[in-house]
Protein backbone atom coordinates (compact mmCIF):
# COMPACT_ATOMS: atom_id res chain seq x y z
CA MET A 1 8.04 -1.99 -9.57
CA GLY A 2 8.48 -3.26 -6.02
CA THR A 3 7.77 -6.68 -4.58
CA PHE A 4 5.72 -7.37 -1.58
CA THR A 5 6.62 -10.91 -0.12
CA TYR A 6 4.65 -12.58 2.66
CA GLY A 7 5.03 -15.83 4.70
CA GLN A 8 7.86 -18.48 4.95
CA LEU A 9 7.25 -19.76 1.34
CA GLY A 10 7.90 -16.20 0.06
CA GLN A 11 4.58 -15.87 -1.77
CA GLY A 12 4.33 -12.30 -3.14
CA SER A 13 3.13 -9.73 -5.57
CA VAL A 14 4.91 -7.18 -7.93
CA ILE A 15 3.38 -3.61 -7.05
CA ASP A 16 4.18 -0.13 -8.23
CA ASP A 17 6.84 1.38 -5.83
CA ARG A 18 4.73 4.43 -4.90
CA MET A 19 1.69 2.26 -4.17
CA LEU A 20 3.91 -0.23 -2.19
CA LEU A 21 5.31 2.58 -0.11
CA HIS A 22 1.77 3.69 0.91
CA LEU A 23 0.64 -0.02 1.53
CA GLN A 24 3.78 -0.55 3.74
CA VAL A 25 2.78 2.31 5.94
CA VAL A 26 -0.84 1.03 6.25
CA ILE A 27 0.13 -2.58 6.73
CA VAL A 28 2.85 -2.03 9.32
CA THR A 29 0.61 0.25 11.27
CA GLN A 30 -2.24 -2.25 11.31
CA LEU A 31 0.17 -5.17 12.43
CA ARG A 32 1.80 -3.01 15.13
CA ARG A 33 -1.67 -2.70 16.67
CA GLY A 34 -2.04 -6.48 16.56
CA GLU A 35 -4.88 -6.37 14.01
CA ARG A 36 -5.46 -8.97 11.32
CA PHE A 37 -6.97 -8.37 8.14
CA LEU A 38 -7.13 -9.41 4.41
CA PHE A 39 -5.01 -7.83 1.73
CA ARG A 40 -6.03 -8.45 -1.72
CA CYS A 41 -3.67 -7.83 -4.69
CA ASP A 42 -6.34 -8.20 -7.53
CA MET A 43 -7.89 -5.05 -8.13
CA ASP A 44 -5.35 -2.76 -9.90
CA GLU A 45 -3.58 -2.48 -13.25
CA HIS A 46 -0.24 -2.02 -11.36
CA ILE A 47 0.16 -5.54 -10.44
CA ARG A 48 0.88 -8.78 -12.29
CA SER A 49 -0.81 -11.35 -10.25
CA ALA A 50 -4.10 -11.72 -8.43
CA GLU A 51 -3.73 -13.01 -4.80
CA SER A 52 -5.07 -12.56 -1.32
CA PHE A 53 -3.11 -12.67 1.97
CA TRP A 54 -4.45 -12.97 5.59
CA MET A 55 -2.21 -10.45 7.11
CA SER A 56 -1.15 -11.35 10.79
CA PRO A 57 1.70 -10.01 12.98
CA ASP A 58 2.85 -13.56 13.29
CA ILE A 59 3.74 -13.97 9.57
CA PRO A 60 7.01 -12.54 8.18
CA LEU A 61 6.71 -9.96 5.48
CA ARG A 62 9.06 -8.02 3.20
CA PHE A 63 8.72 -4.92 1.12
CA ALA A 64 11.50 -4.44 -1.58
CA PHE A 65 11.48 -1.46 -3.73
CA ASP A 66 13.22 -1.00 -7.11
CA ARG A 67 14.10 2.66 -6.57
CA PRO A 68 15.94 3.60 -3.27
CA THR A 69 14.74 7.05 -3.54
CA ALA A 70 12.68 9.23 -1.16
CA ALA A 71 9.04 9.57 -1.98
CA THR A 72 6.43 11.95 -0.73
CA ILE A 73 3.42 10.38 1.28
CA ASN A 74 -0.12 11.22 0.31
CA PRO A 75 -2.13 11.51 3.57
CA ALA A 76 -5.40 11.26 1.83
CA TRP A 77 -4.42 7.89 0.20
CA LEU A 78 -3.21 6.63 3.66
CA ALA A 79 -6.46 7.47 5.16
CA ILE A 80 -8.46 5.63 2.33
CA LEU A 81 -6.23 2.60 2.50
CA ALA A 82 -6.35 2.37 6.33
CA PHE A 83 -10.23 2.59 6.17
CA ALA A 84 -10.29 -0.31 3.59
CA ALA A 85 -8.04 -2.42 5.76
CA ALA A 86 -10.52 -1.95 8.73
CA THR A 87 -13.49 -3.25 6.60
CA THR A 88 -14.59 -6.89 6.26
CA ALA A 89 -13.60 -6.66 2.41
CA GLY A 90 -10.11 -5.84 3.52
CA LEU A 91 -7.26 -3.88 2.10
CA TRP A 92 -6.95 -3.68 -1.72
CA LEU A 93 -4.92 -1.81 -4.27
CA ILE A 94 -6.86 1.54 -4.39
CA PRO A 95 -5.52 3.97 -6.99
CA GLU A 96 -4.10 7.22 -5.53
CA PRO A 97 -6.65 10.09 -5.29
CA VAL A 98 -6.02 13.21 -7.03
CA ASP A 99 -6.96 16.64 -5.87
CA LEU A 100 -8.85 18.69 -8.41
CA SER A 101 -8.05 22.43 -7.91
CA LEU A 102 -10.24 25.38 -8.61
CA ASP A 103 -8.65 25.63 -12.11
CA GLY A 104 -9.75 21.98 -12.85
CA ALA A 105 -6.09 20.62 -13.03
CA ALA A 106 -5.38 17.35 -11.33
CA HIS A 107 -2.39 17.12 -9.09
CA ARG A 108 -1.14 14.98 -6.02
CA GLU A 109 -1.51 16.07 -2.54
CA PRO A 110 1.11 18.50 -1.31
CA GLU A 111 4.23 16.91 0.09
CA LEU A 112 3.72 16.65 3.93
CA ALA A 113 6.36 13.91 4.69
CA ARG A 114 9.43 12.18 3.15
CA VAL A 115 9.96 8.54 3.46
CA GLY A 116 13.15 6.89 2.30
CA THR A 117 12.74 3.57 0.47
């Protein structure tokens, strides 16, 4: 479990490392564009708190991961999270989508990129 910390007072939430990695990509992308949005940490079983944050490029943030290992990025998940961030409801902890192959077995998207954490 990693930690997302936001603001000068160090408010934050504990979030699964894999989810936190995908959130980091989406949040940093949105903020680099100067976009502001709501981030809600209250809709997933992978967290231990229920909080909402107004995301702004002017407010400091930190992503701390428990495991310093490389993880694969799921582009489908990034697209879903980015779409949510652009809505009036804001970004929230959407579970990772699974791909159902023709034989019906669920598995994650193929590895397209590696990101060190």
